[in-house]
Structure formats: C-alpha cells, structure tokens
Amino acid sequence: MSRQRSMEAILASEYVSIGELTRLTGARYSTLKFYTEEGMLPFEQAEENLTRRYLREATVELIFRIKQLKADGLSIPQIKEALKEGR
C-alpha cells in the first residue's frame, strides 16, 4: 500500500494519479474512471507499473469544464461532442 502524497507535493507535480485528481477536484473516483474510459480525460501510461498519469493543470481544468457542461444539462454524448468541438 502506498502513502498518499501531500497536497503540496501534488500541486507542485506536473503529473498526478486519478486518486490525486479526486482530491484536487472533489469528483468521485468512479466518475473520473468513467470519464477516462469514455476518452474524455487523456492520460499517459507509465510502462513499468501501468499507472495512468494525468497532466495536472490541463486535466483539472477539463474536469471542471465537464462538471459545468453537466450542470448545464448536457448528456455524456453531448459533453463529448462539446469537448471535441472545443466549446
């Protein structure tokens, strides 16, 4: 079992894990996993341990954008389309 990084370490890091994204955004782990599986959250995968790494700043912004689109009443397919179009 690994130790959690401090919030200070997370905020200083270029890449974060999905668990750290939950701490940064307040989104549920299962929600972020779903968004990842739907291709809405891009990630890099380190080969040595197959851990998905997300660019911290861009991904946090994207999660808040998805949350706003969802709050505006868009469905997942509509959100995916809006993200693709850059809205």
C-alpha atoms as a PDB file:
ATOM      1  CA  MET A   1       0.000   0.000   0.000  1.00  0.00           C
ATOM      2  CA  SER A   2       1.428   3.347  -0.990  1.00  0.00           C
ATOM      3  CA  ARG A   3       1.411   6.519   1.061  1.00  0.00           C
ATOM      4  CA  GLN A   4      -0.558   9.495  -0.159  1.00  0.00           C
ATOM      5  CA  ARG A   5       1.456  12.455  -1.330  1.00  0.00           C
ATOM      6  CA  SER A   6       0.895  15.736   0.445  1.00  0.00           C
ATOM      7  CA  MET A   7      -1.292  18.337  -1.246  1.00  0.00           C
ATOM      8  CA  GLU A   8       1.821  20.494  -1.528  1.00  0.00           C
ATOM      9  CA  ALA A   9       3.613  17.725  -3.462  1.00  0.00           C
ATOM     10  CA  ILE A  10       0.568  17.162  -5.676  1.00  0.00           C
ATOM     11  CA  LEU A  11       0.285  20.865  -6.512  1.00  0.00           C
ATOM     12  CA  ALA A  12       3.998  21.003  -7.363  1.00  0.00           C
ATOM     13  CA  SER A  13       3.790  17.970  -9.640  1.00  0.00           C
ATOM     14  CA  GLU A  14       3.290  18.056 -13.405  1.00  0.00           C
ATOM     15  CA  TYR A  15       1.547  14.661 -13.396  1.00  0.00           C
ATOM     16  CA  VAL A  16      -0.982  13.234 -10.943  1.00  0.00           C
ATOM     17  CA  SER A  17      -2.829   9.974 -10.400  1.00  0.00           C
ATOM     18  CA  ILE A  18      -6.585   9.534 -10.641  1.00  0.00           C
ATOM     19  CA  GLY A  19      -6.747   9.371  -6.846  1.00  0.00           C
ATOM     20  CA  GLU A  20      -4.952  12.694  -6.605  1.00  0.00           C
ATOM     21  CA  LEU A  21      -7.394  14.164  -9.142  1.00  0.00           C
ATOM     22  CA  THR A  22     -10.247  13.209  -6.806  1.00  0.00           C
ATOM     23  CA  ARG A  23      -8.552  15.212  -4.051  1.00  0.00           C
ATOM     24  CA  LEU A  24      -7.980  18.209  -6.335  1.00  0.00           C
ATOM     25  CA  THR A  25     -11.476  18.343  -7.858  1.00  0.00           C
ATOM     26  CA  GLY A  26     -13.839  16.714  -5.381  1.00  0.00           C
ATOM     27  CA  ALA A  27     -15.038  14.395  -8.143  1.00  0.00           C
ATOM     28  CA  ARG A  28     -15.642  10.750  -7.292  1.00  0.00           C
ATOM     29  CA  TYR A  29     -13.044   8.162  -8.301  1.00  0.00           C
ATOM     30  CA  SER A  30     -15.669   6.160 -10.208  1.00  0.00           C
ATOM     31  CA  THR A  31     -16.726   9.279 -12.126  1.00  0.00           C
ATOM     32  CA  LEU A  32     -13.160  10.059 -13.185  1.00  0.00           C
ATOM     33  CA  LYS A  33     -12.596   6.429 -14.145  1.00  0.00           C
ATOM     34  CA  PHE A  34     -15.759   6.577 -16.298  1.00  0.00           C
ATOM     35  CA  TYR A  35     -14.615   9.820 -17.953  1.00  0.00           C
ATOM     36  CA  THR A  36     -11.235   8.202 -18.655  1.00  0.00           C
ATOM     37  CA  GLU A  37     -12.830   5.085 -20.138  1.00  0.00           C
ATOM     38  CA  GLU A  38     -15.087   7.269 -22.307  1.00  0.00           C
ATOM     39  CA  GLY A  39     -11.997   9.020 -23.690  1.00  0.00           C
ATOM     40  CA  MET A  40     -12.849  12.346 -22.065  1.00  0.00           C
ATOM     41  CA  LEU A  41      -9.722  12.521 -19.870  1.00  0.00           C
ATOM     42  CA  PRO A  42      -6.442  11.907 -21.709  1.00  0.00           C
ATOM     43  CA  PHE A  43      -3.639  10.192 -19.805  1.00  0.00           C
ATOM     44  CA  GLU A  44      -0.176   8.753 -20.228  1.00  0.00           C
ATOM     45  CA  GLN A  45       0.637   5.276 -19.017  1.00  0.00           C
ATOM     46  CA  ALA A  46       3.996   4.522 -17.443  1.00  0.00           C
ATOM     47  CA  GLU A  47       5.093   1.104 -18.663  1.00  0.00           C
ATOM     48  CA  GLU A  48       6.853  -0.075 -15.538  1.00  0.00           C
ATOM     49  CA  ASN A  49       3.747  -0.217 -13.323  1.00  0.00           C
ATOM     50  CA  LEU A  50       0.954   0.614 -15.807  1.00  0.00           C
ATOM     51  CA  THR A  51      -0.132   3.592 -13.704  1.00  0.00           C
ATOM     52  CA  ARG A  52      -2.173   6.171 -15.559  1.00  0.00           C
ATOM     53  CA  ARG A  53      -0.727   9.668 -15.198  1.00  0.00           C
ATOM     54  CA  TYR A  54      -2.695  12.811 -15.952  1.00  0.00           C
ATOM     55  CA  LEU A  55      -1.288  16.264 -16.693  1.00  0.00           C
ATOM     56  CA  ARG A  56      -2.387  18.057 -13.525  1.00  0.00           C
ATOM     57  CA  GLU A  57      -3.317  21.552 -14.706  1.00  0.00           C
ATOM     58  CA  ALA A  58      -4.958  20.614 -18.013  1.00  0.00           C
ATOM     59  CA  THR A  59      -6.890  17.703 -16.525  1.00  0.00           C
ATOM     60  CA  VAL A  60      -8.195  19.676 -13.534  1.00  0.00           C
ATOM     61  CA  GLU A  61      -9.434  22.387 -15.924  1.00  0.00           C
ATOM     62  CA  LEU A  62     -11.045  19.729 -18.110  1.00  0.00           C
ATOM     63  CA  ILE A  63     -12.818  18.104 -15.151  1.00  0.00           C
ATOM     64  CA  PHE A  64     -14.268  21.452 -14.065  1.00  0.00           C
ATOM     65  CA  ARG A  65     -15.352  22.089 -17.655  1.00  0.00           C
ATOM     66  CA  ILE A  66     -17.095  18.701 -17.793  1.00  0.00           C
ATOM     67  CA  LYS A  67     -18.778  19.436 -14.436  1.00  0.00           C
ATOM     68  CA  GLN A  68     -20.054  22.772 -15.804  1.00  0.00           C
ATOM     69  CA  LEU A  69     -21.383  21.194 -19.003  1.00  0.00           C
ATOM     70  CA  LYS A  70     -23.098  18.530 -16.912  1.00  0.00           C
ATOM     71  CA  ALA A  71     -24.601  21.220 -14.655  1.00  0.00           C
ATOM     72  CA  ASP A  72     -25.864  22.945 -17.817  1.00  0.00           C
ATOM     73  CA  GLY A  73     -27.871  19.787 -18.521  1.00  0.00           C
ATOM     74  CA  LEU A  74     -25.799  18.209 -21.277  1.00  0.00           C
ATOM     75  CA  SER A  75     -25.709  14.421 -21.625  1.00  0.00           C
ATOM     76  CA  ILE A  76     -22.433  12.490 -21.801  1.00  0.00           C
ATOM     77  CA  PRO A  77     -22.593  12.230 -25.639  1.00  0.00           C
ATOM     78  CA  GLN A  78     -23.299  15.982 -25.821  1.00  0.00           C
ATOM     79  CA  ILE A  79     -20.410  16.723 -23.448  1.00  0.00           C
ATOM     80  CA  LYS A  80     -18.071  14.559 -25.529  1.00  0.00           C
ATOM     81  CA  GLU A  81     -19.134  16.452 -28.651  1.00  0.00           C
ATOM     82  CA  ALA A  82     -18.686  19.825 -26.925  1.00  0.00           C
ATOM     83  CA  LEU A  83     -15.187  18.830 -25.783  1.00  0.00           C
ATOM     84  CA  LYS A  84     -14.299  17.674 -29.294  1.00  0.00           C
ATOM     85  CA  GLU A  85     -15.506  20.990 -30.734  1.00  0.00           C
ATOM     86  CA  GLY A  86     -13.624  22.928 -28.065  1.00  0.00           C
ATOM     87  CA  ARG A  87     -16.727  24.583 -26.584  1.00  0.00           C
END
